[in-house]
Amino acid sequence: NSCYVALGGTTAAGGPLDITEDYANGYADLIAAQLGFEYGVNYLNAAEEAGLTSAEAVDYINNARKDPSKYIPQADLITFQLDGASFISSSMDGVVDKADIPWEKYVSDSAFLADIANFHSKMTAEYAGDYGQKNAESIATVLEWMLYESVVYSHETIKAVQAIRAKNSSAVILVLGLYNPMRGLTFTANGKIMDLGGMIEELITVTNAYLLKQTKDMAKVSFVDISGAGTNGYSNENLNINDSDALTSQLNTIAKAEEKQYANKVGHVHIRNQVLDAAKAPCKHTQ
């Protein structure tokens, strides 16, 4: 009578995968196969193939386009994952729209808000000498947006888990963390190198630590560290820093190279293994 339901975004849905690898199974399919589950019988993948941002997570659980809410009560194993690629797309969209970052929606601590303002100023000053004042401001805004997306991701992931639990009081819920959607990406401009992939790695470490802490005391909820998942990754990019509009366009093009941002075949196998290891103790499935 066991039932496995996979929830989440693009990676949970199994893509986008590198078609040159002739590979069509994402980690949820691999998990189901390992546990002997059959799709449509005792396994459902209700992930959103087109992606799912953290801001959409709770609505997805309660009113999703694939309507997982009617399947969640039947499950005794649920995996839930939001993709880190939303960090990048939201960050870039914020720069393009020249939008103010709405910290107050998630943060009310005045000291923290002051720290954010100082962070932005510090980053602008640090990069102004290398890339020019206007470009430095754009770079600082991108980094601040990424930090904001980390906060949004953390809070909304926990809210989504609570929404899942409200629909199923007994299932084991495995919360999959983040892997780096910009692994390997460095920028060169005026002979200076910026390790954006490394900066994001630090954000991911902090975000995963937060999720681990928040889920630790939740009954039948476990955090799964998938930070080691492989991606096709990025290489160095030469930035056009002499034209801010061209720079913004270039950053957007890099950010939207989705095939590089998501887990590849090796990455999906890694995620499957991490999930199965985490599921061994609480689950009673037989292989």
Protein backbone atom coordinates (compact mmCIF):
# COMPACT_ATOMS: atom_id res chain seq x y z
CA ASN A 1 0.00 0.00 0.00
CA SER A 2 3.04 2.28 -0.09
CA CYS A 3 2.90 5.38 -2.29
CA TYR A 4 5.66 7.81 -3.30
CA VAL A 5 4.90 11.35 -4.48
CA ALA A 6 7.63 13.62 -5.91
CA LEU A 7 6.99 17.36 -5.58
CA GLY A 8 8.99 20.34 -6.79
CA GLY A 9 10.30 22.05 -9.89
CA THR A 10 12.35 21.30 -12.97
CA THR A 11 14.93 18.99 -11.40
CA ALA A 12 12.25 16.99 -9.58
CA ALA A 13 10.43 16.63 -12.92
CA GLY A 14 13.59 15.13 -14.44
CA GLY A 15 14.92 17.92 -16.59
CA PRO A 16 16.16 19.70 -18.44
CA LEU A 17 18.59 16.90 -19.13
CA ASP A 18 21.45 16.87 -21.60
CA ILE A 19 19.94 15.14 -24.64
CA THR A 20 23.40 14.15 -25.86
CA GLU A 21 23.56 11.75 -22.93
CA ASP A 22 20.47 9.89 -24.20
CA TYR A 23 19.01 10.04 -20.72
CA ALA A 24 15.37 10.54 -19.83
CA ASN A 25 15.01 9.55 -16.18
CA GLY A 26 15.23 12.11 -13.40
CA TYR A 27 16.04 11.27 -9.80
CA ALA A 28 12.37 10.70 -8.81
CA ASP A 29 11.99 8.03 -11.51
CA LEU A 30 15.25 6.45 -10.35
CA ILE A 31 14.04 6.42 -6.74
CA ALA A 32 10.73 4.84 -7.75
CA ALA A 33 12.48 2.19 -9.82
CA GLN A 34 14.81 1.36 -6.94
CA LEU A 35 11.85 0.97 -4.59
CA GLY A 36 9.86 -1.08 -7.09
CA PHE A 37 7.13 1.54 -7.59
CA GLU A 38 5.18 1.94 -10.81
CA TYR A 39 4.15 5.31 -12.20
CA GLY A 40 0.41 5.86 -11.96
CA VAL A 41 0.02 2.96 -9.55
CA ASN A 42 1.99 3.79 -6.43
CA TYR A 43 4.28 6.54 -7.73
CA LEU A 44 3.32 10.02 -8.90
CA ASN A 45 5.63 12.75 -10.12
CA ALA A 46 3.66 15.99 -9.70
CA ALA A 47 6.65 18.31 -10.21
CA GLU A 48 6.37 21.37 -12.44
CA GLU A 49 8.50 20.79 -15.52
CA ALA A 50 8.49 24.49 -16.39
CA GLY A 51 10.04 25.34 -13.05
CA LEU A 52 8.81 26.48 -9.68
CA THR A 53 10.06 29.50 -7.78
CA SER A 54 10.12 29.56 -4.00
CA ALA A 55 7.51 32.33 -3.95
CA GLU A 56 5.10 29.92 -5.69
CA ALA A 57 5.78 26.95 -3.42
CA VAL A 58 2.88 27.14 -0.97
CA ASP A 59 0.35 27.90 -3.72
CA TYR A 60 1.77 24.96 -5.66
CA ILE A 61 1.11 22.60 -2.76
CA ASN A 62 -2.41 23.90 -2.15
CA ASN A 63 -3.60 24.75 -5.67
CA ALA A 64 -1.03 23.42 -8.08
CA ARG A 65 -1.57 23.16 -11.78
CA LYS A 66 -0.85 19.45 -11.50
CA ASP A 67 -3.01 19.32 -8.38
CA PRO A 68 -0.70 17.25 -6.15
CA SER A 69 -2.92 18.12 -3.18
CA LYS A 70 -5.29 15.27 -4.02
CA TYR A 71 -2.38 12.79 -4.08
CA ILE A 72 -0.43 14.03 -1.07
CA PRO A 73 -2.81 12.47 1.50
CA GLN A 74 -2.23 9.01 -0.04
CA ALA A 75 1.57 9.13 0.15
CA ASP A 76 3.79 7.64 2.82
CA LEU A 77 6.97 8.97 1.18
CA ILE A 78 7.19 12.51 -0.24
CA THR A 79 10.20 14.29 -1.68
CA PHE A 80 10.10 18.05 -2.07
CA GLN A 81 12.65 20.23 -3.82
CA LEU A 82 12.83 23.74 -5.23
CA ASP A 83 15.51 24.54 -7.79
CA GLY A 84 18.28 26.98 -7.01
CA ALA A 85 18.05 28.36 -10.54
CA SER A 86 15.32 30.69 -9.29
CA PHE A 87 18.10 32.51 -7.42
CA ILE A 88 19.62 33.47 -10.72
CA SER A 89 16.54 34.28 -12.78
CA SER A 90 14.98 36.40 -10.03
CA SER A 91 18.25 38.18 -9.40
CA MET A 92 18.67 39.08 -13.05
CA ASP A 93 15.02 40.08 -13.42
CA GLY A 94 15.46 42.43 -10.46
CA VAL A 95 18.37 44.16 -12.15
CA VAL A 96 16.52 44.47 -15.45
CA ASP A 97 13.41 45.87 -13.78
CA LYS A 98 15.51 48.19 -11.60
CA ALA A 99 13.26 47.07 -8.77
CA ASP A 100 13.87 47.79 -5.11
CA ILE A 101 14.47 44.61 -3.17
CA PRO A 102 11.48 44.01 -0.85
CA TRP A 103 13.41 42.86 2.21
CA GLU A 104 10.61 43.93 4.54
CA LYS A 105 8.41 41.09 3.29
CA TYR A 106 10.65 38.59 5.09
CA VAL A 107 12.85 40.60 7.42
CA SER A 108 11.80 43.05 10.13
CA ASP A 109 15.10 43.21 12.02
CA SER A 110 16.37 46.78 11.58
CA ALA A 111 19.94 45.71 12.35
CA PHE A 112 19.81 43.11 9.59
CA LEU A 113 18.41 45.65 7.13
CA ALA A 114 21.23 48.01 8.05
CA ASP A 115 23.73 45.22 7.43
CA ILE A 116 22.22 44.68 3.98
CA ALA A 117 22.58 48.36 3.13
CA ASN A 118 26.21 48.22 4.26
CA PHE A 119 26.76 45.06 2.23
CA HIS A 120 25.48 46.78 -0.92
CA SER A 121 27.67 49.82 -0.34
CA LYS A 122 30.71 47.68 0.40
CA MET A 123 30.24 45.57 -2.73
CA THR A 124 29.76 48.67 -4.89
CA ALA A 125 32.92 50.26 -3.52
CA GLU A 126 34.88 47.02 -3.88
CA TYR A 127 34.05 46.56 -7.57
CA ALA A 128 34.01 50.22 -8.64
CA GLY A 129 37.77 50.34 -9.07
CA ASP A 130 37.81 47.28 -11.31
CA TYR A 131 34.60 47.70 -13.30
CA GLY A 132 33.51 51.32 -12.98
CA GLN A 133 30.93 52.85 -10.65
CA LYS A 134 27.83 52.12 -12.76
CA ASN A 135 28.78 48.52 -13.43
CA ALA A 136 29.75 48.03 -9.79
CA GLU A 137 26.28 49.14 -8.73
CA SER A 138 24.71 46.54 -11.05
CA ILE A 139 27.00 43.81 -9.73
CA ALA A 140 26.18 44.74 -6.11
CA THR A 141 22.46 44.65 -6.93
CA VAL A 142 22.79 41.17 -8.46
CA LEU A 143 24.56 39.92 -5.33
CA GLU A 144 21.98 41.51 -3.04
CA TRP A 145 19.15 39.97 -5.06
CA MET A 146 20.81 36.57 -4.72
CA LEU A 147 21.03 37.04 -0.96
CA TYR A 148 17.37 38.04 -0.90
CA GLU A 149 16.40 34.98 -2.96
CA SER A 150 18.24 32.81 -0.44
CA VAL A 151 16.06 34.25 2.34
CA VAL A 152 12.88 33.80 0.26
CA TYR A 153 13.86 30.23 -0.63
CA SER A 154 14.53 29.32 2.99
CA HIS A 155 11.29 30.73 4.39
CA GLU A 156 9.01 29.53 1.60
CA THR A 157 10.47 26.03 1.59
CA ILE A 158 9.60 25.60 5.27
CA LYS A 159 6.10 27.01 4.68
CA ALA A 160 5.61 24.52 1.83
CA VAL A 161 6.69 21.62 4.05
CA GLN A 162 4.17 22.76 6.65
CA ALA A 163 1.50 22.88 3.93
CA ILE A 164 2.37 19.31 2.92
CA ARG A 165 2.17 18.17 6.53
CA ALA A 166 -1.26 19.78 6.91
CA LYS A 167 -2.48 17.44 4.13
CA ASN A 168 -0.70 14.33 5.40
CA SER A 169 0.06 13.83 9.09
CA SER A 170 2.08 10.63 8.80
CA ALA A 171 4.17 10.57 5.60
CA VAL A 172 7.92 10.76 5.67
CA ILE A 173 8.85 14.07 4.01
CA LEU A 174 12.33 14.42 2.57
CA VAL A 175 13.32 18.04 1.92
CA LEU A 176 16.02 18.23 -0.72
CA GLY A 177 18.40 21.14 -0.41
CA LEU A 178 20.26 23.15 -3.03
CA TYR A 179 23.06 22.40 -5.42
CA ASN A 180 24.95 25.15 -7.25
CA PRO A 181 23.18 26.28 -10.47
CA MET A 182 26.18 28.41 -11.46
CA ARG A 183 28.97 25.98 -10.68
CA GLY A 184 32.24 26.97 -12.32
CA LEU A 185 31.12 30.39 -13.54
CA THR A 186 33.78 33.08 -13.42
CA PHE A 187 33.82 36.49 -15.07
CA THR A 188 36.79 38.37 -16.49
CA ALA A 189 36.68 42.10 -17.11
CA ASN A 190 39.63 44.48 -17.38
CA GLY A 191 41.84 41.52 -16.59
CA LYS A 192 40.12 40.96 -13.24
CA ILE A 193 38.40 37.69 -12.35
CA MET A 194 35.20 37.45 -10.33
CA ASP A 195 34.23 34.00 -9.02
CA LEU A 196 30.43 34.25 -9.10
CA GLY A 197 30.04 30.47 -8.85
CA GLY A 198 32.07 30.50 -5.65
CA MET A 199 29.96 33.32 -4.19
CA ILE A 200 26.79 31.35 -4.89
CA GLU A 201 28.35 28.26 -3.32
CA GLU A 202 28.64 30.20 -0.06
CA LEU A 203 24.97 31.24 -0.25
CA ILE A 204 23.94 27.64 -0.87
CA THR A 205 25.93 26.44 2.14
CA VAL A 206 24.17 28.96 4.38
CA THR A 207 20.75 28.15 2.92
CA ASN A 208 21.20 24.41 3.34
CA ALA A 209 22.34 24.92 6.93
CA TYR A 210 19.17 26.92 7.62
CA LEU A 211 16.94 24.19 6.15
CA LEU A 212 18.75 21.52 8.17
CA LYS A 213 18.23 23.49 11.36
CA GLN A 214 14.56 24.24 10.65
CA THR A 215 13.65 20.65 9.75
CA LYS A 216 15.63 18.98 12.55
CA ASP A 217 12.79 18.97 15.05
CA MET A 218 9.95 18.33 12.59
CA ALA A 219 8.40 14.89 13.03
CA LYS A 220 9.15 12.54 10.12
CA VAL A 221 10.84 15.33 8.16
CA SER A 222 14.47 15.03 7.08
CA PHE A 223 16.76 17.36 5.18
CA VAL A 224 18.71 15.75 2.33
CA ASP A 225 22.00 17.33 1.32
CA ILE A 226 22.30 17.13 -2.49
CA SER A 227 24.90 19.90 -2.83
CA GLY A 228 27.25 17.43 -4.51
CA ALA A 229 24.95 16.94 -7.52
CA GLY A 230 26.81 17.35 -10.79
CA THR A 231 25.84 19.90 -13.45
CA ASN A 232 27.16 20.63 -16.92
CA GLY A 233 28.50 23.81 -15.42
CA TYR A 234 29.90 27.05 -16.76
CA SER A 235 33.30 28.32 -17.75
CA ASN A 236 34.79 31.80 -17.75
CA GLU A 237 32.87 34.60 -19.46
CA ASN A 238 34.36 37.87 -20.69
CA LEU A 239 32.10 40.72 -19.61
CA ASN A 240 31.35 43.81 -21.65
CA ILE A 241 31.65 46.35 -18.84
CA ASN A 242 31.77 49.39 -21.09
CA ASP A 243 28.04 49.26 -21.81
CA SER A 244 25.67 48.66 -18.88
CA ASP A 245 22.75 47.63 -21.11
CA ALA A 246 24.96 45.17 -22.96
CA LEU A 247 26.29 43.87 -19.65
CA THR A 248 22.78 43.28 -18.30
CA SER A 249 21.77 41.51 -21.51
CA GLN A 250 24.86 39.34 -21.33
CA LEU A 251 24.18 38.36 -17.71
CA ASN A 252 20.63 37.42 -18.64
CA THR A 253 21.84 35.24 -21.51
CA ILE A 254 24.22 33.45 -19.16
CA ALA A 255 21.51 32.99 -16.54
CA LYS A 256 19.04 31.53 -19.02
CA ALA A 257 21.40 28.81 -20.26
CA GLU A 258 19.25 26.32 -18.39
CA GLU A 259 20.94 23.17 -19.62
CA LYS A 260 23.98 24.20 -17.60
CA GLN A 261 22.10 25.10 -14.42
CA TYR A 262 20.45 21.77 -13.68
CA ALA A 263 21.64 18.36 -12.60
CA ASN A 264 23.03 16.19 -15.37
CA LYS A 265 22.80 12.39 -15.50
CA VAL A 266 25.48 11.96 -12.85
CA GLY A 267 23.75 14.62 -10.77
CA HIS A 268 20.40 12.83 -10.83
CA VAL A 269 22.04 9.55 -9.81
CA HIS A 270 23.75 11.36 -6.93
CA ILE A 271 20.44 12.85 -5.79
CA ARG A 272 18.77 9.42 -5.95
CA ASN A 273 21.51 7.92 -3.78
CA GLN A 274 21.31 10.72 -1.21
CA VAL A 275 17.52 10.40 -0.98
CA LEU A 276 17.60 6.62 -0.61
CA ASP A 277 20.22 6.90 2.12
CA ALA A 278 18.05 9.42 3.96
CA ALA A 279 14.94 7.25 3.50
CA LYS A 280 16.43 4.02 4.86
CA ALA A 281 15.81 4.65 8.53
CA PRO A 282 12.30 6.16 8.56
CA CYS A 283 10.79 4.26 5.63
CA LYS A 284 9.49 0.69 5.62
CA HIS A 285 9.69 0.21 1.86
CA THR A 286 11.30 -3.01 0.68
CA GLN A 287 13.48 -3.24 -2.38
